N, C-alpha and C. Protein backbone atom coordinates (compact mmCIF):
# COMPACT_ATOMS: atom_id res chain seq x y z
N MET A 1 113.99 100.34 83.05
CA MET A 1 114.84 99.32 83.62
C MET A 1 115.93 99.03 82.61
N SER A 2 117.14 98.83 83.07
CA SER A 2 118.24 98.53 82.17
C SER A 2 118.20 97.08 81.75
N SER A 3 119.01 96.74 80.76
CA SER A 3 119.01 95.38 80.25
C SER A 3 119.52 94.38 81.28
N ALA A 4 120.24 94.84 82.27
CA ALA A 4 120.76 93.93 83.31
C ALA A 4 119.71 93.63 84.37
N GLY A 5 118.50 94.16 84.22
CA GLY A 5 117.45 93.89 85.18
C GLY A 5 117.48 94.79 86.39
N GLN A 6 118.24 95.89 86.32
CA GLN A 6 118.34 96.81 87.44
C GLN A 6 117.50 98.03 87.16
N VAL A 7 116.97 98.62 88.20
CA VAL A 7 116.19 99.83 88.07
C VAL A 7 117.16 100.98 87.82
N GLY A 8 116.96 101.72 86.74
CA GLY A 8 117.82 102.85 86.44
C GLY A 8 117.31 104.08 87.17
N LEU A 9 118.06 104.57 88.14
CA LEU A 9 117.66 105.75 88.89
C LEU A 9 118.37 106.97 88.33
N PRO A 10 117.68 108.09 88.25
CA PRO A 10 118.32 109.30 87.76
C PRO A 10 119.39 109.78 88.71
N SER A 11 120.28 110.58 88.17
CA SER A 11 121.36 111.15 88.97
C SER A 11 120.79 112.05 90.05
N THR A 12 121.45 112.10 91.21
CA THR A 12 121.02 113.00 92.28
C THR A 12 121.67 114.36 92.13
N SER A 13 122.59 114.48 91.19
CA SER A 13 123.27 115.75 90.94
C SER A 13 122.30 116.74 90.31
N SER A 14 122.47 118.03 90.61
CA SER A 14 121.61 119.03 90.00
C SER A 14 122.10 119.39 88.61
N ALA A 15 123.33 119.02 88.26
CA ALA A 15 123.86 119.29 86.94
C ALA A 15 123.41 118.20 85.97
N PRO A 16 123.18 118.57 84.70
CA PRO A 16 122.81 117.54 83.72
C PRO A 16 123.93 116.52 83.58
N PRO A 17 123.58 115.26 83.29
CA PRO A 17 124.62 114.26 83.09
C PRO A 17 125.55 114.69 81.97
N GLU A 18 126.80 114.26 82.04
CA GLU A 18 127.80 114.63 81.05
C GLU A 18 127.30 114.25 79.66
N GLY A 19 127.41 115.18 78.71
CA GLY A 19 126.97 114.94 77.35
C GLY A 19 125.48 115.11 77.15
N SER A 20 124.77 115.60 78.15
CA SER A 20 123.33 115.78 78.06
C SER A 20 122.97 117.22 78.37
N GLU A 21 122.00 117.72 77.66
CA GLU A 21 121.52 119.08 77.91
C GLU A 21 120.30 119.07 78.82
N GLN A 22 119.75 117.90 79.10
CA GLN A 22 118.53 117.81 79.89
C GLN A 22 118.84 117.69 81.37
N PRO A 23 118.03 118.37 82.21
CA PRO A 23 118.21 118.19 83.66
C PRO A 23 117.72 116.81 84.06
N PRO A 24 118.08 116.36 85.26
CA PRO A 24 117.58 115.07 85.72
C PRO A 24 116.06 115.08 85.78
N PRO A 25 115.42 113.92 85.65
CA PRO A 25 113.96 113.87 85.69
C PRO A 25 113.42 114.30 87.05
N ALA A 26 112.19 114.76 87.05
CA ALA A 26 111.52 115.17 88.29
C ALA A 26 111.27 113.93 89.15
N TYR A 27 111.02 114.15 90.44
CA TYR A 27 110.80 113.05 91.38
C TYR A 27 109.69 112.13 90.91
N ALA A 28 108.65 112.67 90.30
CA ALA A 28 107.51 111.87 89.86
C ALA A 28 107.92 110.84 88.82
N GLU A 29 109.08 111.02 88.18
CA GLU A 29 109.52 110.10 87.15
C GLU A 29 110.35 108.94 87.70
N TYR A 30 110.58 108.91 89.00
CA TYR A 30 111.30 107.80 89.60
C TYR A 30 110.43 106.55 89.47
N PRO A 31 111.06 105.38 89.47
CA PRO A 31 110.26 104.16 89.38
C PRO A 31 109.32 104.02 90.57
N THR A 32 108.17 103.49 90.32
CA THR A 32 107.20 103.28 91.39
C THR A 32 107.06 101.80 91.72
N GLU A 33 107.70 100.95 90.94
CA GLU A 33 107.67 99.51 91.20
C GLU A 33 109.08 98.95 91.03
N LEU A 34 109.36 97.92 91.77
CA LEU A 34 110.64 97.23 91.64
C LEU A 34 110.46 96.03 90.73
N PRO A 35 111.53 95.57 90.08
CA PRO A 35 111.41 94.32 89.32
C PRO A 35 111.09 93.17 90.27
N THR A 36 110.57 92.09 89.73
CA THR A 36 110.20 90.96 90.57
C THR A 36 111.42 90.26 91.15
N THR A 37 112.56 90.33 90.45
CA THR A 37 113.80 89.73 90.96
C THR A 37 114.99 90.59 90.56
N PHE A 38 116.09 90.43 91.29
CA PHE A 38 117.36 91.10 90.99
C PHE A 38 118.43 90.03 90.80
N PRO A 39 119.29 90.18 89.79
CA PRO A 39 120.37 89.21 89.64
C PRO A 39 121.47 89.45 90.67
N ILE A 40 121.76 88.45 91.46
CA ILE A 40 122.87 88.49 92.41
C ILE A 40 123.68 87.24 92.17
N GLY A 41 124.85 87.44 91.56
CA GLY A 41 125.66 86.29 91.15
C GLY A 41 124.88 85.49 90.12
N GLU A 42 124.74 84.21 90.36
CA GLU A 42 124.02 83.33 89.44
C GLU A 42 122.55 83.18 89.83
N HIS A 43 122.11 83.89 90.85
CA HIS A 43 120.76 83.71 91.36
C HIS A 43 119.88 84.92 91.03
N GLU A 44 118.60 84.69 90.97
CA GLU A 44 117.60 85.76 90.87
C GLU A 44 116.94 85.86 92.23
N VAL A 45 117.04 87.02 92.86
CA VAL A 45 116.58 87.19 94.24
C VAL A 45 115.44 88.21 94.27
N PRO A 46 114.34 87.92 94.98
CA PRO A 46 113.27 88.91 95.08
C PRO A 46 113.72 90.12 95.90
N PRO A 47 113.12 91.27 95.67
CA PRO A 47 113.50 92.47 96.44
C PRO A 47 113.32 92.25 97.94
N LEU A 48 114.21 92.84 98.71
CA LEU A 48 114.13 92.74 100.17
C LEU A 48 113.33 93.88 100.76
N VAL A 49 113.11 94.95 99.98
CA VAL A 49 112.34 96.11 100.42
C VAL A 49 111.39 96.49 99.30
N ASN A 50 110.48 97.42 99.62
CA ASN A 50 109.58 97.92 98.58
C ASN A 50 109.84 99.41 98.36
N VAL A 51 109.24 99.95 97.32
CA VAL A 51 109.48 101.35 96.96
C VAL A 51 109.08 102.29 98.09
N THR A 52 107.99 102.02 98.76
CA THR A 52 107.53 102.87 99.87
C THR A 52 108.57 102.90 100.98
N ASP A 53 109.14 101.75 101.32
CA ASP A 53 110.19 101.70 102.34
C ASP A 53 111.43 102.49 101.90
N LEU A 54 111.79 102.35 100.63
CA LEU A 54 112.94 103.09 100.11
C LEU A 54 112.71 104.59 100.18
N GLN A 55 111.51 105.03 99.80
CA GLN A 55 111.20 106.46 99.85
C GLN A 55 111.22 106.97 101.29
N ALA A 56 110.69 106.19 102.22
CA ALA A 56 110.70 106.60 103.63
C ALA A 56 112.14 106.69 104.13
N HIS A 57 112.98 105.75 103.74
CA HIS A 57 114.38 105.77 104.18
C HIS A 57 115.10 106.99 103.60
N LEU A 58 114.83 107.31 102.35
CA LEU A 58 115.45 108.49 101.75
C LEU A 58 114.99 109.77 102.44
N ARG A 59 113.71 109.83 102.84
CA ARG A 59 113.22 111.00 103.59
C ARG A 59 113.93 111.09 104.94
N LEU A 60 114.14 109.96 105.59
CA LEU A 60 114.85 109.96 106.88
C LEU A 60 116.29 110.45 106.69
N LEU A 61 116.97 109.96 105.67
CA LEU A 61 118.34 110.42 105.40
C LEU A 61 118.36 111.91 105.08
N GLY A 62 117.35 112.38 104.36
CA GLY A 62 117.25 113.80 104.07
C GLY A 62 117.06 114.62 105.34
N ALA A 63 116.27 114.09 106.28
CA ALA A 63 116.08 114.78 107.56
C ALA A 63 117.39 114.85 108.33
N PHE A 64 118.18 113.77 108.29
CA PHE A 64 119.49 113.78 108.95
C PHE A 64 120.39 114.83 108.32
N ASP A 65 120.37 114.94 107.01
CA ASP A 65 121.19 115.92 106.31
C ASP A 65 120.78 117.35 106.68
N ARG A 66 119.47 117.60 106.72
CA ARG A 66 118.99 118.93 107.13
C ARG A 66 119.35 119.23 108.58
N LEU A 67 119.30 118.22 109.43
CA LEU A 67 119.69 118.40 110.83
C LEU A 67 121.15 118.81 110.92
N LYS A 68 122.02 118.14 110.18
CA LYS A 68 123.44 118.49 110.20
C LYS A 68 123.64 119.92 109.72
N TYR A 69 122.96 120.30 108.66
CA TYR A 69 123.10 121.66 108.14
C TYR A 69 122.64 122.68 109.18
N THR A 70 121.52 122.41 109.83
CA THR A 70 120.97 123.31 110.84
C THR A 70 121.94 123.48 112.01
N VAL A 71 122.54 122.36 112.43
CA VAL A 71 123.50 122.42 113.55
C VAL A 71 124.74 123.21 113.15
N GLN A 72 125.22 123.00 111.93
CA GLN A 72 126.46 123.64 111.50
C GLN A 72 126.26 125.09 111.06
N HIS A 73 125.02 125.51 110.88
CA HIS A 73 124.76 126.89 110.44
C HIS A 73 123.74 127.56 111.36
N PRO A 74 124.11 127.78 112.64
CA PRO A 74 123.19 128.43 113.56
C PRO A 74 122.89 129.86 113.10
N GLU A 75 121.71 130.35 113.45
CA GLU A 75 121.28 131.69 113.03
C GLU A 75 122.28 132.77 113.44
N ASP A 76 122.86 132.65 114.62
CA ASP A 76 123.80 133.65 115.12
C ASP A 76 125.24 133.36 114.70
N GLY A 77 125.45 132.33 113.90
CA GLY A 77 126.80 131.93 113.52
C GLY A 77 127.41 131.09 114.62
N PRO A 78 128.50 130.41 114.30
CA PRO A 78 129.14 129.57 115.32
C PRO A 78 129.75 130.43 116.42
N PRO A 79 129.87 129.89 117.63
CA PRO A 79 130.52 130.64 118.70
C PRO A 79 131.94 131.03 118.29
N PRO A 80 132.44 132.12 118.81
CA PRO A 80 133.81 132.55 118.46
C PRO A 80 134.82 131.43 118.70
N GLY A 81 135.67 131.23 117.73
CA GLY A 81 136.73 130.23 117.86
C GLY A 81 136.29 128.81 117.60
N MET A 82 135.02 128.58 117.29
CA MET A 82 134.55 127.22 117.04
C MET A 82 134.20 127.06 115.57
N GLN A 83 134.71 126.00 114.98
CA GLN A 83 134.43 125.73 113.57
C GLN A 83 133.12 124.96 113.44
N ARG A 84 132.52 125.06 112.27
CA ARG A 84 131.22 124.41 112.02
C ARG A 84 131.31 122.90 112.26
N GLU A 85 132.40 122.28 111.84
CA GLU A 85 132.54 120.83 112.02
C GLU A 85 132.59 120.47 113.50
N HIS A 86 133.16 121.34 114.33
CA HIS A 86 133.20 121.08 115.78
C HIS A 86 131.79 121.14 116.37
N LEU A 87 130.94 121.99 115.82
CA LEU A 87 129.54 122.03 116.30
C LEU A 87 128.87 120.69 116.07
N TRP A 88 129.13 120.11 114.90
CA TRP A 88 128.52 118.82 114.58
C TRP A 88 129.07 117.71 115.48
N ILE A 89 130.35 117.72 115.73
CA ILE A 89 130.96 116.70 116.61
C ILE A 89 130.38 116.81 118.02
N LEU A 90 130.26 118.01 118.53
CA LEU A 90 129.67 118.22 119.85
C LEU A 90 128.22 117.74 119.87
N PHE A 91 127.48 118.07 118.82
CA PHE A 91 126.08 117.65 118.72
C PHE A 91 125.98 116.12 118.71
N LEU A 92 126.84 115.45 117.94
CA LEU A 92 126.80 113.99 117.87
C LEU A 92 127.10 113.36 119.23
N ASN A 93 128.04 113.92 119.96
CA ASN A 93 128.33 113.39 121.29
C ASN A 93 127.13 113.51 122.21
N MET A 94 126.45 114.64 122.15
CA MET A 94 125.24 114.81 122.97
C MET A 94 124.14 113.85 122.49
N ALA A 95 124.04 113.62 121.17
CA ALA A 95 123.03 112.71 120.64
C ALA A 95 123.26 111.28 121.13
N VAL A 96 124.52 110.87 121.21
CA VAL A 96 124.84 109.53 121.71
C VAL A 96 124.42 109.41 123.17
N GLN A 97 124.67 110.43 123.98
CA GLN A 97 124.24 110.41 125.38
C GLN A 97 122.72 110.34 125.48
N ARG A 98 122.03 111.09 124.62
CA ARG A 98 120.56 111.06 124.64
C ARG A 98 120.04 109.70 124.19
N PHE A 99 120.72 109.08 123.22
CA PHE A 99 120.34 107.74 122.76
C PHE A 99 120.48 106.74 123.90
N GLU A 100 121.59 106.80 124.62
CA GLU A 100 121.81 105.89 125.73
C GLU A 100 120.73 106.08 126.80
N ALA A 101 120.36 107.32 127.08
CA ALA A 101 119.30 107.58 128.06
C ALA A 101 117.97 107.05 127.56
N PHE A 102 117.68 107.23 126.27
CA PHE A 102 116.42 106.76 125.69
C PHE A 102 116.35 105.24 125.77
N MET A 103 117.43 104.56 125.41
CA MET A 103 117.41 103.10 125.41
C MET A 103 117.44 102.52 126.82
N SER A 104 117.92 103.28 127.78
CA SER A 104 117.97 102.82 129.16
C SER A 104 116.66 103.04 129.90
N ALA A 105 115.77 103.81 129.30
CA ALA A 105 114.49 104.11 129.95
C ALA A 105 113.65 102.85 130.07
N THR A 106 112.80 102.82 131.06
CA THR A 106 111.88 101.71 131.24
C THR A 106 110.62 102.01 130.45
N TRP A 107 110.28 101.10 129.53
CA TRP A 107 109.12 101.29 128.66
C TRP A 107 108.07 100.23 128.96
N PRO A 108 106.80 100.58 128.80
CA PRO A 108 105.76 99.55 128.94
C PRO A 108 105.99 98.45 127.90
N ASN A 109 105.50 97.26 128.17
CA ASN A 109 105.71 96.12 127.27
C ASN A 109 105.24 96.36 125.85
N ASN A 110 104.19 97.15 125.66
CA ASN A 110 103.64 97.34 124.33
C ASN A 110 104.16 98.61 123.64
N ALA A 111 105.13 99.29 124.21
CA ALA A 111 105.61 100.56 123.66
C ALA A 111 106.24 100.40 122.28
N VAL A 112 106.96 99.30 122.07
CA VAL A 112 107.63 99.11 120.78
C VAL A 112 106.59 98.86 119.70
N VAL A 113 105.57 98.08 120.00
CA VAL A 113 104.53 97.76 119.02
C VAL A 113 103.70 98.99 118.72
N ALA A 114 103.32 99.72 119.73
CA ALA A 114 102.44 100.87 119.57
C ALA A 114 103.27 102.16 119.58
N SER A 115 104.08 102.35 118.55
CA SER A 115 104.89 103.57 118.48
C SER A 115 103.98 104.77 118.27
N THR A 116 104.11 105.71 119.17
CA THR A 116 103.33 106.94 119.07
C THR A 116 104.29 108.11 119.17
N GLU A 117 103.77 109.28 119.05
CA GLU A 117 104.62 110.47 119.18
C GLU A 117 105.27 110.50 120.57
N ALA A 118 104.60 109.94 121.56
CA ALA A 118 105.14 109.94 122.92
C ALA A 118 106.30 108.96 123.07
N THR A 119 106.32 107.88 122.28
CA THR A 119 107.39 106.89 122.40
C THR A 119 108.46 107.02 121.31
N MET A 120 108.20 107.82 120.29
CA MET A 120 109.17 108.00 119.20
C MET A 120 110.28 108.93 119.67
N PRO A 121 111.53 108.50 119.52
CA PRO A 121 112.63 109.36 119.97
C PRO A 121 112.80 110.57 119.05
N PRO A 122 113.47 111.61 119.54
CA PRO A 122 113.74 112.77 118.69
C PRO A 122 114.71 112.40 117.56
N LEU A 123 114.80 113.27 116.57
CA LEU A 123 115.57 112.99 115.37
C LEU A 123 117.04 112.67 115.66
N ASP A 124 117.67 113.38 116.59
CA ASP A 124 119.08 113.09 116.87
C ASP A 124 119.26 111.69 117.44
N VAL A 125 118.31 111.25 118.26
CA VAL A 125 118.37 109.91 118.83
C VAL A 125 118.11 108.87 117.73
N LEU A 126 117.16 109.16 116.84
CA LEU A 126 116.91 108.26 115.71
C LEU A 126 118.15 108.11 114.84
N MET A 127 118.88 109.19 114.66
CA MET A 127 120.08 109.16 113.83
C MET A 127 121.13 108.22 114.45
N VAL A 128 121.33 108.30 115.75
CA VAL A 128 122.28 107.41 116.42
C VAL A 128 121.78 105.97 116.34
N TRP A 129 120.49 105.76 116.56
CA TRP A 129 119.90 104.42 116.48
C TRP A 129 120.11 103.85 115.08
N HIS A 130 119.87 104.66 114.06
CA HIS A 130 120.06 104.24 112.67
C HIS A 130 121.51 103.80 112.46
N THR A 131 122.45 104.52 113.02
CA THR A 131 123.86 104.18 112.89
C THR A 131 124.15 102.83 113.55
N TYR A 132 123.59 102.59 114.72
CA TYR A 132 123.79 101.30 115.38
C TYR A 132 123.21 100.16 114.55
N LEU A 133 122.09 100.42 113.89
CA LEU A 133 121.48 99.37 113.06
C LEU A 133 122.35 99.02 111.86
N LEU A 134 123.16 99.98 111.41
CA LEU A 134 124.04 99.72 110.27
C LEU A 134 125.31 98.98 110.66
N ALA A 135 125.61 98.98 111.95
CA ALA A 135 126.88 98.36 112.41
C ALA A 135 126.78 96.85 112.42
């Protein structure tokens, strides 16, 4: 932990930090606990999330990144005349339509509480939902 009370996270870059010969630490060396409070302005505020939630969120963001790569790099290559970025734009438009269909569906009253594989939306729909939650 740094002197300012913040958790020092290693660089996500694969290159060693400038002036250092050492590679970034392995995942196991990441902090496993958060400080009891964080300084925000003149106040000390308890964490709003826990390490497990942060790790789950990072895994979700990683899945979104892999999804984008998979869409932009199809096994057969992009269709003639279509750029990789256009594949992603087309995919996102279809994901928004699928999200709207998912949210418009009629669900049993307990579906939100009892999330199962049957009620969990596919990754593209989750990505759009995540975006709406950030807005």
